[in-house]
C-alpha atoms as a PDB file:
ATOM      1  CA  MET A   1      16.829   2.650   8.411  1.00  0.00           C
ATOM      2  CA  ALA A   2      13.924   2.299   6.650  1.00  0.00           C
ATOM      3  CA  PHE A   3      11.270  -1.026   7.360  1.00  0.00           C
ATOM      4  CA  THR A   4      11.554  -2.351   4.064  1.00  0.00           C
ATOM      5  CA  LYS A   5      13.340  -2.177   0.849  1.00  0.00           C
ATOM      6  CA  GLU A   6      10.185  -1.055  -1.050  1.00  0.00           C
ATOM      7  CA  ILE A   7      11.515   2.790  -1.280  1.00  0.00           C
ATOM      8  CA  ILE A   8       9.185   5.609  -2.502  1.00  0.00           C
ATOM      9  CA  ASP A   9      11.544   8.240  -3.744  1.00  0.00           C
ATOM     10  CA  PHE A  10      10.163  11.437  -4.770  1.00  0.00           C
ATOM     11  CA  ALA A  11      13.697  13.158  -5.700  1.00  0.00           C
ATOM     12  CA  GLY A  12      13.490  14.446  -8.825  1.00  0.00           C
ATOM     13  CA  LEU A  13       9.791  13.902  -9.687  1.00  0.00           C
ATOM     14  CA  SER A  14       7.916  16.651 -10.610  1.00  0.00           C
ATOM     15  CA  ASP A  15       4.490  17.739  -8.606  1.00  0.00           C
ATOM     16  CA  THR A  16       2.394  16.081 -11.182  1.00  0.00           C
ATOM     17  CA  ASP A  17       4.737  13.132 -11.082  1.00  0.00           C
ATOM     18  CA  ILE A  18       4.374  12.879  -7.236  1.00  0.00           C
ATOM     19  CA  LYS A  19       0.316  13.353  -7.116  1.00  0.00           C
ATOM     20  CA  ALA A  20       0.174  10.475  -9.715  1.00  0.00           C
ATOM     21  CA  LYS A  21       2.202   8.042  -7.439  1.00  0.00           C
ATOM     22  CA  LEU A  22       0.704   8.971  -4.543  1.00  0.00           C
ATOM     23  CA  VAL A  23      -2.932   7.868  -5.988  1.00  0.00           C
ATOM     24  CA  GLU A  24      -1.354   5.236  -7.676  1.00  0.00           C
ATOM     25  CA  LEU A  25      -0.402   3.797  -4.159  1.00  0.00           C
ATOM     26  CA  ASN A  26      -3.919   5.274  -2.874  1.00  0.00           C
ATOM     27  CA  ILE A  27      -1.856   7.415  -0.173  1.00  0.00           C
ATOM     28  CA  PRO A  28      -4.087  10.172   0.713  1.00  0.00           C
ATOM     29  CA  LEU A  29      -1.045  12.822   1.192  1.00  0.00           C
ATOM     30  CA  THR A  30      -0.545  15.984  -0.452  1.00  0.00           C
ATOM     31  CA  THR A  31       2.556  17.107  -2.888  1.00  0.00           C
ATOM     32  CA  ASN A  32       3.956  19.202   0.052  1.00  0.00           C
ATOM     33  CA  GLU A  33       3.286  16.246   2.417  1.00  0.00           C
ATOM     34  CA  ALA A  34       5.173  14.034   0.701  1.00  0.00           C
ATOM     35  CA  LEU A  35       8.219  16.421   0.011  1.00  0.00           C
ATOM     36  CA  GLN A  36       7.468  17.075   3.805  1.00  0.00           C
ATOM     37  CA  ILE A  37       8.300  13.821   4.742  1.00  0.00           C
ATOM     38  CA  GLN A  38      11.464  12.889   2.794  1.00  0.00           C
ATOM     39  CA  ASN A  39      12.942  16.024   2.922  1.00  0.00           C
ATOM     40  CA  ASP A  40      12.553  17.382   6.612  1.00  0.00           C
ATOM     41  CA  MET A  41      11.188  14.647   8.694  1.00  0.00           C
ATOM     42  CA  LEU A  42      13.043  11.553   7.544  1.00  0.00           C
ATOM     43  CA  GLY A  43      15.968  13.107   5.445  1.00  0.00           C
ATOM     44  CA  ARG A  44      15.818  10.212   3.033  1.00  0.00           C
ATOM     45  CA  ALA A  45      13.191   8.469   0.704  1.00  0.00           C
ATOM     46  CA  PRO A  46      10.519   6.807   2.769  1.00  0.00           C
ATOM     47  CA  SER A  47       9.949   2.996   2.553  1.00  0.00           C
ATOM     48  CA  LEU A  48       6.181   2.350   1.237  1.00  0.00           C
ATOM     49  CA  ALA A  49       5.047   1.300   4.923  1.00  0.00           C
ATOM     50  CA  GLU A  50       6.297   4.242   6.499  1.00  0.00           C
ATOM     51  CA  LEU A  51       4.547   6.413   3.751  1.00  0.00           C
ATOM     52  CA  ILE A  52       1.460   4.836   4.606  1.00  0.00           C
ATOM     53  CA  LEU A  53       2.065   5.190   8.154  1.00  0.00           C
ATOM     54  CA  PHE A  54       2.656   8.715   7.778  1.00  0.00           C
ATOM     55  CA  SER A  55      -0.747   9.279   5.709  1.00  0.00           C
ATOM     56  CA  ILE A  56      -2.268   7.792   8.670  1.00  0.00           C
ATOM     57  CA  GLN A  57      -0.815   9.506  11.825  1.00  0.00           C
ATOM     58  CA  GLY A  58      -1.349  12.989   9.326  1.00  0.00           C
ATOM     59  CA  SER A  59      -4.722  12.296   8.645  1.00  0.00           C
ATOM     60  CA  GLU A  60      -7.458  14.382  10.066  1.00  0.00           C
ATOM     61  CA  HIS A  61      -8.923  11.591  11.971  1.00  0.00           C
ATOM     62  CA  CYS A  62      -5.384  11.503  13.829  1.00  0.00           C
ATOM     63  CA  SER A  63      -3.837  14.981  13.629  1.00  0.00           C
ATOM     64  CA  TYR A  64      -6.588  17.379  13.495  1.00  0.00           C
ATOM     65  CA  LYS A  65      -4.474  19.409  11.046  1.00  0.00           C
ATOM     66  CA  SER A  66      -7.926  21.194   9.991  1.00  0.00           C
ATOM     67  CA  SER A  67      -9.484  22.018  13.367  1.00  0.00           C
ATOM     68  CA  ARG A  68      -6.165  21.765  15.611  1.00  0.00           C
ATOM     69  CA  ASN A  69      -6.217  25.586  15.881  1.00  0.00           C
ATOM     70  CA  HIS A  70      -9.701  25.820  16.478  1.00  0.00           C
ATOM     71  CA  LEU A  71      -9.858  23.274  19.107  1.00  0.00           C
ATOM     72  CA  LYS A  72      -6.862  24.968  20.780  1.00  0.00           C
ATOM     73  CA  GLN A  73      -9.456  27.741  21.914  1.00  0.00           C
ATOM     74  CA  PHE A  74     -11.223  25.097  24.138  1.00  0.00           C
ATOM     75  CA  THR A  75     -10.424  25.490  27.977  1.00  0.00           C
ATOM     76  CA  THR A  76      -8.343  22.527  28.932  1.00  0.00           C
ATOM     77  CA  GLU A  77      -6.517  23.256  32.055  1.00  0.00           C
ATOM     78  CA  GLY A  78      -8.391  24.170  35.467  1.00  0.00           C
ATOM     79  CA  PRO A  79      -8.048  23.135  39.285  1.00  0.00           C
ATOM     80  CA  ASP A  80     -10.347  20.421  38.500  1.00  0.00           C
ATOM     81  CA  VAL A  81      -8.819  19.166  35.200  1.00  0.00           C
ATOM     82  CA  VAL A  82      -6.455  16.347  36.250  1.00  0.00           C
ATOM     83  CA  LEU A  83      -5.587  15.837  32.754  1.00  0.00           C
ATOM     84  CA  GLY A  84      -6.374  18.060  29.349  1.00  0.00           C
ATOM     85  CA  ALA A  85      -5.927  17.092  26.119  1.00  0.00           C
ATOM     86  CA  LYS A  86      -3.201  14.848  25.895  1.00  0.00           C
ATOM     87  CA  GLU A  87      -3.702  11.353  26.408  1.00  0.00           C
ATOM     88  CA  ASP A  88      -6.039   8.806  25.507  1.00  0.00           C
ATOM     89  CA  ALA A  89      -9.082  10.613  27.464  1.00  0.00           C
ATOM     90  CA  GLY A  90      -9.742  13.637  29.574  1.00  0.00           C
ATOM     91  CA  VAL A  91      -9.459  13.175  33.380  1.00  0.00           C
ATOM     92  CA  VAL A  92     -11.678  15.955  35.667  1.00  0.00           C
ATOM     93  CA  ALA A  93     -11.869  15.307  39.563  1.00  0.00           C
ATOM     94  CA  ILE A  94     -15.512  15.675  40.989  1.00  0.00           C
ATOM     95  CA  ALA A  95     -15.009  15.047  44.309  1.00  0.00           C
ATOM     96  CA  THR A  96     -12.688  14.298  47.245  1.00  0.00           C
ATOM     97  CA  ASP A  97     -12.767  11.381  49.847  1.00  0.00           C
ATOM     98  CA  ASN A  98     -12.362  11.502  53.626  1.00  0.00           C
ATOM     99  CA  ASN A  99      -8.668  10.379  52.822  1.00  0.00           C
ATOM    100  CA  GLY A 100      -7.867  13.154  50.720  1.00  0.00           C
ATOM    101  CA  HIS A 101      -7.958  11.211  47.409  1.00  0.00           C
ATOM    102  CA  ARG A 102      -9.579  12.956  44.263  1.00  0.00           C
ATOM    103  CA  TRP A 103     -12.010  10.643  42.508  1.00  0.00           C
ATOM    104  CA  CYS A 104     -12.234  11.779  38.830  1.00  0.00           C
ATOM    105  CA  ILE A 105     -14.702  11.365  36.020  1.00  0.00           C
ATOM    106  CA  VAL A 106     -12.638  10.114  32.546  1.00  0.00           C
ATOM    107  CA  MET A 107     -14.056  11.150  29.464  1.00  0.00           C
ATOM    108  CA  SER A 108     -13.636   9.807  25.558  1.00  0.00           C
ATOM    109  CA  HIS A 109     -15.808  11.035  22.507  1.00  0.00           C
ATOM    110  CA  GLU A 110     -15.159   9.936  18.926  1.00  0.00           C
ATOM    111  CA  SER A 111     -17.012  10.557  15.255  1.00  0.00           C
ATOM    112  CA  HIS A 112     -17.644   7.202  13.502  1.00  0.00           C
ATOM    113  CA  ASN A 113     -19.172   9.255  10.862  1.00  0.00           C
ATOM    114  CA  HIS A 114     -17.691   7.615   7.498  1.00  0.00           C
ATOM    115  CA  PRO A 115     -17.542   4.222   8.462  1.00  0.00           C
ATOM    116  CA  SER A 116     -21.521   4.276   9.794  1.00  0.00           C
ATOM    117  CA  GLN A 117     -22.571   5.647   6.587  1.00  0.00           C
ATOM    118  CA  ILE A 118     -20.572   2.887   4.573  1.00  0.00           C
ATOM    119  CA  VAL A 119     -21.514  -0.175   6.817  1.00  0.00           C
ATOM    120  CA  PRO A 120     -23.723   1.466   9.852  1.00  0.00           C
ATOM    121  CA  TYR A 121     -23.530  -1.768  12.006  1.00  0.00           C
ATOM    122  CA  GLU A 122     -19.912  -2.421  12.069  1.00  0.00           C
ATOM    123  CA  GLY A 123     -19.005   1.468  11.825  1.00  0.00           C
ATOM    124  CA  ALA A 124     -21.110   2.393  14.943  1.00  0.00           C
ATOM    125  CA  ALA A 125     -19.947  -0.561  17.030  1.00  0.00           C
ATOM    126  CA  THR A 126     -16.349  -0.361  16.695  1.00  0.00           C
ATOM    127  CA  GLY A 127     -16.737   3.430  17.465  1.00  0.00           C
ATOM    128  CA  VAL A 128     -18.089   2.451  20.977  1.00  0.00           C
ATOM    129  CA  GLY A 129     -15.025   0.020  21.236  1.00  0.00           C
ATOM    130  CA  GLY A 130     -12.612   2.411  20.534  1.00  0.00           C
ATOM    131  CA  ASN A 131     -14.146   4.617  23.159  1.00  0.00           C
ATOM    132  CA  VAL A 132     -14.481   2.394  25.774  1.00  0.00           C
ATOM    133  CA  ARG A 133     -10.503   1.124  25.286  1.00  0.00           C
ATOM    134  CA  ASP A 134      -9.513   4.868  25.873  1.00  0.00           C
ATOM    135  CA  VAL A 135     -11.229   5.005  28.954  1.00  0.00           C
ATOM    136  CA  LEU A 136      -9.966   1.702  30.115  1.00  0.00           C
ATOM    137  CA  CYS A 137      -6.326   2.690  29.187  1.00  0.00           C
ATOM    138  CA  MET A 138      -6.439   5.654  31.433  1.00  0.00           C
ATOM    139  CA  GLY A 139      -6.744   2.675  34.505  1.00  0.00           C
ATOM    140  CA  ALA A 140     -10.428   3.786  34.629  1.00  0.00           C
ATOM    141  CA  GLU A 141     -13.307   1.526  35.393  1.00  0.00           C
ATOM    142  CA  VAL A 142     -15.721   2.044  32.447  1.00  0.00           C
ATOM    143  CA  ILE A 143     -19.487   2.723  33.511  1.00  0.00           C
ATOM    144  CA  ALA A 144     -21.403   4.348  30.526  1.00  0.00           C
ATOM    145  CA  VAL A 145     -21.342   4.918  27.237  1.00  0.00           C
ATOM    146  CA  THR A 146     -23.830   7.532  25.174  1.00  0.00           C
ATOM    147  CA  ASP A 147     -24.118   8.663  21.633  1.00  0.00           C
ATOM    148  CA  SER A 148     -25.428  12.023  19.284  1.00  0.00           C
ATOM    149  CA  PHE A 149     -26.856  11.035  16.126  1.00  0.00           C
ATOM    150  CA  ARG A 150     -27.521  12.897  12.882  1.00  0.00           C
ATOM    151  CA  PHE A 151     -29.521  11.406   9.966  1.00  0.00           C
ATOM    152  CA  GLY A 152     -30.769  12.376   6.636  1.00  0.00           C
ATOM    153  CA  ASP A 153     -34.298  12.864   5.929  1.00  0.00           C
ATOM    154  CA  ILE A 154     -36.668  10.557   7.536  1.00  0.00           C
ATOM    155  CA  LYS A 155     -38.305   9.417   4.486  1.00  0.00           C
ATOM    156  CA  ASN A 156     -35.436   8.193   2.678  1.00  0.00           C
ATOM    157  CA  ASN A 157     -34.998   4.572   2.616  1.00  0.00           C
ATOM    158  CA  LYS A 158     -31.202   4.688   2.885  1.00  0.00           C
ATOM    159  CA  THR A 159     -31.712   6.576   5.806  1.00  0.00           C
ATOM    160  CA  LYS A 160     -33.632   3.949   7.594  1.00  0.00           C
ATOM    161  CA  TRP A 161     -31.277   1.395   6.626  1.00  0.00           C
ATOM    162  CA  ILE A 162     -28.364   3.500   8.211  1.00  0.00           C
ATOM    163  CA  HIS A 163     -30.373   4.562  11.397  1.00  0.00           C
ATOM    164  CA  ASP A 164     -31.551   0.525  12.064  1.00  0.00           C
ATOM    165  CA  GLY A 165     -27.625  -0.117  11.421  1.00  0.00           C
ATOM    166  CA  VAL A 166     -26.197   2.310  14.028  1.00  0.00           C
ATOM    167  CA  VAL A 167     -28.225   1.644  16.635  1.00  0.00           C
ATOM    168  CA  ALA A 168     -28.333  -2.315  16.321  1.00  0.00           C
ATOM    169  CA  GLY A 169     -24.168  -1.307  15.902  1.00  0.00           C
ATOM    170  CA  VAL A 170     -24.051   0.588  19.576  1.00  0.00           C
ATOM    171  CA  ALA A 171     -26.605  -1.754  21.247  1.00  0.00           C
ATOM    172  CA  GLY A 172     -24.748  -4.982  20.042  1.00  0.00           C
ATOM    173  CA  TYR A 173     -21.452  -4.080  21.508  1.00  0.00           C
ATOM    174  CA  GLY A 174     -22.387  -2.112  24.285  1.00  0.00           C
ATOM    175  CA  ASN A 175     -24.654  -4.773  25.639  1.00  0.00           C
ATOM    176  CA  PRO A 176     -21.781  -7.560  25.431  1.00  0.00           C
ATOM    177  CA  LEU A 177     -19.736  -5.391  27.173  1.00  0.00           C
ATOM    178  CA  GLY A 178     -22.043  -4.961  30.251  1.00  0.00           C
ATOM    179  CA  ILE A 179     -21.730  -1.152  30.116  1.00  0.00           C
ATOM    180  CA  PRO A 180     -24.952   0.863  29.909  1.00  0.00           C
ATOM    181  CA  ASN A 181     -25.945   3.566  27.558  1.00  0.00           C
ATOM    182  CA  VAL A 182     -27.527   6.521  29.904  1.00  0.00           C
ATOM    183  CA  GLY A 183     -28.245   8.919  27.014  1.00  0.00           C
ATOM    184  CA  GLY A 184     -28.520  10.440  23.851  1.00  0.00           C
ATOM    185  CA  ASP A 185     -30.069  12.760  20.991  1.00  0.00           C
ATOM    186  CA  LEU A 186     -31.311  11.970  17.563  1.00  0.00           C
ATOM    187  CA  TYR A 187     -31.702  14.703  14.818  1.00  0.00           C
ATOM    188  CA  TYR A 188     -32.888  14.347  11.041  1.00  0.00           C
ATOM    189  CA  HIS A 189     -32.430  16.332   8.040  1.00  0.00           C
ATOM    190  CA  GLU A 190     -31.392  15.946   4.619  1.00  0.00           C
ATOM    191  CA  GLY A 191     -28.344  17.858   5.062  1.00  0.00           C
ATOM    192  CA  TYR A 192     -27.308  14.698   6.357  1.00  0.00           C
ATOM    193  CA  ASN A 193     -28.297  12.731   3.557  1.00  0.00           C
ATOM    194  CA  GLU A 194     -24.926  11.603   2.399  1.00  0.00           C
ATOM    195  CA  ASN A 195     -22.664  12.132   5.711  1.00  0.00           C
ATOM    196  CA  CYS A 196     -24.315  11.209   9.023  1.00  0.00           C
ATOM    197  CA  LEU A 197     -22.667  11.980  12.170  1.00  0.00           C
ATOM    198  CA  VAL A 198     -22.245   9.306  14.602  1.00  0.00           C
ATOM    199  CA  THR A 199     -20.745  10.669  18.195  1.00  0.00           C
ATOM    200  CA  LEU A 200     -20.078   8.412  20.979  1.00  0.00           C
ATOM    201  CA  VAL A 201     -18.960   9.122  24.328  1.00  0.00           C
ATOM    202  CA  THR A 202     -17.584   6.950  26.992  1.00  0.00           C
ATOM    203  CA  LEU A 203     -17.299   7.714  30.691  1.00  0.00           C
ATOM    204  CA  GLY A 204     -14.962   6.065  33.527  1.00  0.00           C
ATOM    205  CA  ILE A 205     -14.363   6.724  36.773  1.00  0.00           C
ATOM    206  CA  VAL A 206     -10.830   6.507  38.560  1.00  0.00           C
ATOM    207  CA  LYS A 207      -8.890   7.522  41.790  1.00  0.00           C
ATOM    208  CA  ASP A 208      -6.638  10.144  40.655  1.00  0.00           C
ATOM    209  CA  LYS A 209      -3.521   7.913  42.240  1.00  0.00           C
ATOM    210  CA  ASN A 210      -4.370   5.199  40.167  1.00  0.00           C
ATOM    211  CA  ILE A 211      -4.575   7.075  36.727  1.00  0.00           C
ATOM    212  CA  ILE A 212      -2.523   4.938  34.208  1.00  0.00           C
ATOM    213  CA  HIS A 213      -0.433   7.127  31.444  1.00  0.00           C
ATOM    214  CA  SER A 214      -0.385   6.080  27.845  1.00  0.00           C
ATOM    215  CA  TYR A 215       3.199   6.423  27.902  1.00  0.00           C
ATOM    216  CA  ALA A 216       6.410   4.253  29.062  1.00  0.00           C
ATOM    217  CA  PRO A 217       7.858   5.254  32.683  1.00  0.00           C
ATOM    218  CA  LYS A 218      11.089   6.617  33.563  1.00  0.00           C
ATOM    219  CA  ASN A 219      13.768   4.140  33.314  1.00  0.00           C
ATOM    220  CA  ALA A 220      11.825   1.594  31.579  1.00  0.00           C
ATOM    221  CA  ASP A 221      14.833   0.237  29.470  1.00  0.00           C
ATOM    222  CA  GLY A 222      14.380  -3.422  29.227  1.00  0.00           C
ATOM    223  CA  PHE A 223      10.775  -3.342  29.664  1.00  0.00           C
ATOM    224  CA  ASP A 224       8.590  -5.799  28.245  1.00  0.00           C
ATOM    225  CA  LEU A 225       5.663  -4.728  25.832  1.00  0.00           C
ATOM    226  CA  ILE A 226       2.476  -7.132  26.050  1.00  0.00           C
ATOM    227  CA  LEU A 227       0.321  -6.740  22.974  1.00  0.00           C
ATOM    228  CA  LEU A 228      -3.493  -7.924  23.581  1.00  0.00           C
ATOM    229  CA  GLY A 229      -6.413  -7.599  20.800  1.00  0.00           C
ATOM    230  CA  LYS A 230      -8.191  -9.551  18.231  1.00  0.00           C
ATOM    231  CA  PRO A 231      -5.911 -11.010  15.498  1.00  0.00           C
ATOM    232  CA  THR A 232      -4.953  -8.643  12.235  1.00  0.00           C
ATOM    233  CA  ASP A 233      -7.393  -9.543   9.442  1.00  0.00           C
ATOM    234  CA  ASN A 234      -8.738  -7.731   6.187  1.00  0.00           C
ATOM    235  CA  SER A 235     -10.813  -5.231   8.329  1.00  0.00           C
ATOM    236  CA  GLY A 236      -9.625  -1.704   9.502  1.00  0.00           C
ATOM    237  CA  PHE A 237      -6.804  -1.022   6.920  1.00  0.00           C
ATOM    238  CA  GLY A 238      -6.333   2.813   6.323  1.00  0.00           C
ATOM    239  CA  GLY A 239      -9.563   3.425   8.569  1.00  0.00           C
ATOM    240  CA  ALA A 240      -7.996   6.699   9.864  1.00  0.00           C
ATOM    241  CA  SER A 241      -7.242   7.991   6.588  1.00  0.00           C
ATOM    242  CA  PHE A 242     -10.379   7.119   4.953  1.00  0.00           C
ATOM    243  CA  ALA A 243     -12.253   8.618   7.687  1.00  0.00           C
ATOM    244  CA  SER A 244     -10.512  11.819   6.859  1.00  0.00           C
ATOM    245  CA  LEU A 245     -11.670  11.849   3.067  1.00  0.00           C
ATOM    246  CA  GLU A 246     -14.529  13.060   1.123  1.00  0.00           C
ATOM    247  CA  LEU A 247     -16.984  10.214   0.516  1.00  0.00           C
ATOM    248  CA  GLU A 248     -17.417   8.858  -2.766  1.00  0.00           C
ATOM    249  CA  GLU A 249     -20.244   6.786  -3.929  1.00  0.00           C
ATOM    250  CA  GLU A 250     -18.072   5.296  -6.528  1.00  0.00           C
ATOM    251  CA  LYS A 251     -15.480   3.995  -3.813  1.00  0.00           C
ATOM    252  CA  LYS A 252     -17.966   2.554  -1.710  1.00  0.00           C
ATOM    253  CA  GLU A 253     -17.397  -0.860  -2.044  1.00  0.00           C
ATOM    254  CA  GLN A 254     -13.371  -0.111  -1.758  1.00  0.00           C
ATOM    255  CA  ASN A 255     -13.866   1.768   1.567  1.00  0.00           C
ATOM    256  CA  LYS A 256     -15.844  -1.041   3.296  1.00  0.00           C
ATOM    257  CA  GLY A 257     -12.586  -2.581   3.798  1.00  0.00           C
ATOM    258  CA  ALA A 258     -11.069   0.471   5.947  1.00  0.00           C
ATOM    259  CA  VAL A 259     -13.962  -0.616   8.700  1.00  0.00           C
ATOM    260  CA  GLN A 260     -13.121  -2.914  11.154  1.00  0.00           C
ATOM    261  CA  GLU A 261     -15.021  -6.108  11.873  1.00  0.00           C
ATOM    262  CA  PRO A 262     -16.146  -5.625  15.634  1.00  0.00           C
ATOM    263  CA  ASN A 263     -15.511  -8.808  18.023  1.00  0.00           C
ATOM    264  CA  ALA A 264     -17.641  -7.441  21.319  1.00  0.00           C
ATOM    265  CA  PHE A 265     -17.307 -10.696  23.304  1.00  0.00           C
ATOM    266  CA  LEU A 266     -13.188 -10.461  23.055  1.00  0.00           C
ATOM    267  CA  GLU A 267     -13.089  -7.210  24.269  1.00  0.00           C
ATOM    268  CA  ARG A 268     -15.287  -7.867  27.468  1.00  0.00           C
ATOM    269  CA  HIS A 269     -12.322 -10.360  28.363  1.00  0.00           C
ATOM    270  CA  LEU A 270     -10.047  -8.081  27.694  1.00  0.00           C
ATOM    271  CA  LEU A 271     -11.987  -5.412  29.910  1.00  0.00           C
ATOM    272  CA  LYS A 272     -12.545  -7.786  32.439  1.00  0.00           C
ATOM    273  CA  SER A 273      -8.938  -9.245  32.700  1.00  0.00           C
ATOM    274  CA  SER A 274      -7.747  -5.406  32.687  1.00  0.00           C
ATOM    275  CA  TYR A 275      -9.725  -4.793  35.440  1.00  0.00           C
ATOM    276  CA  ALA A 276      -8.097  -7.569  37.006  1.00  0.00           C
ATOM    277  CA  LEU A 277      -4.459  -6.521  36.091  1.00  0.00           C
ATOM    278  CA  PHE A 278      -5.099  -3.114  37.627  1.00  0.00           C
ATOM    279  CA  ASP A 279      -5.864  -4.742  40.957  1.00  0.00           C
ATOM    280  CA  ILE A 280      -2.674  -6.624  41.101  1.00  0.00           C
ATOM    281  CA  LEU A 281      -1.315  -3.447  40.213  1.00  0.00           C
ATOM    282  CA  LYS A 282      -2.492  -1.311  42.571  1.00  0.00           C
ATOM    283  CA  GLU A 283      -1.713  -4.136  45.472  1.00  0.00           C
ATOM    284  CA  LYS A 284       1.836  -4.271  44.691  1.00  0.00           C
ATOM    285  CA  GLY A 285       2.008  -0.267  44.217  1.00  0.00           C
ATOM    286  CA  LEU A 286       3.093  -0.636  40.360  1.00  0.00           C
ATOM    287  CA  ILE A 287       0.811   1.837  38.850  1.00  0.00           C
ATOM    288  CA  ASP A 288       3.382   4.210  38.027  1.00  0.00           C
ATOM    289  CA  ASP A 289       5.529   1.598  36.564  1.00  0.00           C
ATOM    290  CA  ILE A 290       3.333   0.647  33.353  1.00  0.00           C
ATOM    291  CA  GLY A 291       1.928   2.624  30.470  1.00  0.00           C
ATOM    292  CA  PHE A 292      -1.070   1.512  28.957  1.00  0.00           C
ATOM    293  CA  LYS A 293      -2.109   2.273  25.284  1.00  0.00           C
ATOM    294  CA  ASP A 294      -4.042   1.802  22.229  1.00  0.00           C
ATOM    295  CA  LEU A 295      -1.392   0.378  19.674  1.00  0.00           C
ATOM    296  CA  GLY A 296      -1.552   2.378  16.273  1.00  0.00           C
ATOM    297  CA  GLY A 297       0.391   4.463  13.763  1.00  0.00           C
ATOM    298  CA  LEU A 298       3.888   5.901  15.417  1.00  0.00           C
ATOM    299  CA  ARG A 299       3.127   4.517  19.356  1.00  0.00           C
ATOM    300  CA  GLN A 300       6.674   3.174  18.820  1.00  0.00           C
ATOM    301  CA  ARG A 301       7.649   6.785  19.716  1.00  0.00           C
ATOM    302  CA  ARG A 302       6.154   6.642  22.766  1.00  0.00           C
ATOM    303  CA  VAL A 303       7.678   3.521  24.209  1.00  0.00           C
ATOM    304  CA  GLY A 304      11.086   4.151  22.256  1.00  0.00           C
ATOM    305  CA  ARG A 305      11.250   0.537  20.679  1.00  0.00           C
ATOM    306  CA  ASN A 306      11.851  -0.272  16.994  1.00  0.00           C
ATOM    307  CA  ILE A 307       9.656  -2.284  15.540  1.00  0.00           C
ATOM    308  CA  ARG A 308      10.937  -4.356  12.560  1.00  0.00           C
ATOM    309  CA  LEU A 309       8.444  -6.051   9.813  1.00  0.00           C
ATOM    310  CA  TRP A 310       8.937  -9.212   8.622  1.00  0.00           C
ATOM    311  CA  ARG A 311       8.388  -9.581   4.571  1.00  0.00           C
ATOM    312  CA  ARG A 312       5.606 -12.427   5.010  1.00  0.00           C
ATOM    313  CA  SER A 313       1.872 -12.090   4.396  1.00  0.00           C
ATOM    314  CA  LEU A 314      -0.094 -12.605   7.815  1.00  0.00           C
ATOM    315  CA  ASP A 315      -2.940 -15.144   6.066  1.00  0.00           C
ATOM    316  CA  GLY A 316      -1.619 -15.385   2.805  1.00  0.00           C
ATOM    317  CA  GLN A 317      -3.228 -12.821   1.418  1.00  0.00           C
ATOM    318  CA  ASN A 318      -3.085  -9.709   2.923  1.00  0.00           C
ATOM    319  CA  PRO A 319       0.314  -7.432   2.655  1.00  0.00           C
ATOM    320  CA  TYR A 320       2.877  -7.856   5.526  1.00  0.00           C
ATOM    321  CA  TRP A 321       2.632  -4.680   6.589  1.00  0.00           C
ATOM    322  CA  HIS A 322      -1.028  -4.744   7.366  1.00  0.00           C
ATOM    323  CA  GLY A 323       0.085  -6.134  10.918  1.00  0.00           C
ATOM    324  CA  TRP A 324       1.742  -2.762  11.612  1.00  0.00           C
ATOM    325  CA  LEU A 325      -0.993  -0.602   9.348  1.00  0.00           C
ATOM    326  CA  THR A 326      -4.162  -1.503  10.223  1.00  0.00           C
ATOM    327  CA  SER A 327      -6.668   0.215  12.268  1.00  0.00           C
ATOM    328  CA  VAL A 328      -7.080  -3.133  14.606  1.00  0.00           C
ATOM    329  CA  ARG A 329      -5.851  -1.586  17.637  1.00  0.00           C
ATOM    330  CA  LEU A 330      -4.509  -2.857  20.656  1.00  0.00           C
ATOM    331  CA  PRO A 331      -4.172  -2.208  24.186  1.00  0.00           C
ATOM    332  CA  LEU A 332      -0.206  -1.688  24.998  1.00  0.00           C
ATOM    333  CA  GLN A 333       1.227  -2.302  28.169  1.00  0.00           C
END
C-alpha cells in the first residue's frame, strides 16, 4: 500500500515528460530510475513520499552508486576485523584482555562537503554530530574526533569565510559533547574554491561482546520502537539528495534548507543517556536483544515495521512527510 493517495504515475509518459515531472517535483532521479522504481521495485505507481524516499536512499550520499565498484576493492575482512563495511561503523580489534575479551576501535568517517560550502558552520557541525551518532550506535564509548579539510585559494575572501565557519562548526559541536579533537590536516588550493572537502572522523572503543548491531534481533515481533532526537523542523530535508548533486550558485539559498540546524547540547544529553542505557543492558545481559540505529530512509526495512504517515503538517507549514523524509536522523532502538 502506498503511504498516501498522492500517486505519481509514470505509465504512458515519454522520457521527456517523466524528466519534466521529476524536475517539477524537485526529485533528483533519472528517468530510468523512476521507471525502475515503478515497474520493477514496487510493481505499481509510487506515492510522492515513496518517490522522495527512493531519491534519498538512491543518492550518492546513501548508496554510493557511482563509487561502489571502487570501494569494493578495499580490504574489509581479516582476523582483526570484527565488523567490516556493513553497519553504522567499522569495528577492528586492537587488544585482548586477561579475560579473553577483545577490545575494539569503532571508526566512522563522513564527508560534509556541500553543506559546508553553503553554510559552513552548520554543515561542519552536523557532520560531527552524524559521525558521533554512528559510532555511538555500535554500543561504543566515543573517545575522539578528527578531521581533514580542503579549501580554496587562501587569498580568496570566500575561502576565509568557509574556513572560519567550518573550524568554528567542528569546535562548536565537539566541545559541548566533551569529545577531544585529536588531529587533522588542512590544505588550500584554488581547485577547491567552489567545492570544499570536509571529512570528519570519529573513534570509539567497545568490547567485542558489547557491540550493539543496527538491526532488530531475531524473534523481535512485539518489540517496541523508541525514537530519540530533536523535533523535526524545516532543516535537513532532502539533505542526502542535495549532497549528491552538483552545486549550482543560483540554487544556493534554496539548498540552505537541506542542511540541518545543529543542537550539540541535546546530543550530549542523548550521548550520556545512551551510555547509561548501555550499562543497564550489560547488567541485565540484554545487549543481544536490542538494535540501535539512526532512523532515516528505509530503516523500516531493517526492523520489519510499517510506518504510517498522517496527512497533518508538523508545524502548520511543512509538508506532513517531512517527519519521515527529513535528514534529521534519530537513534532507533
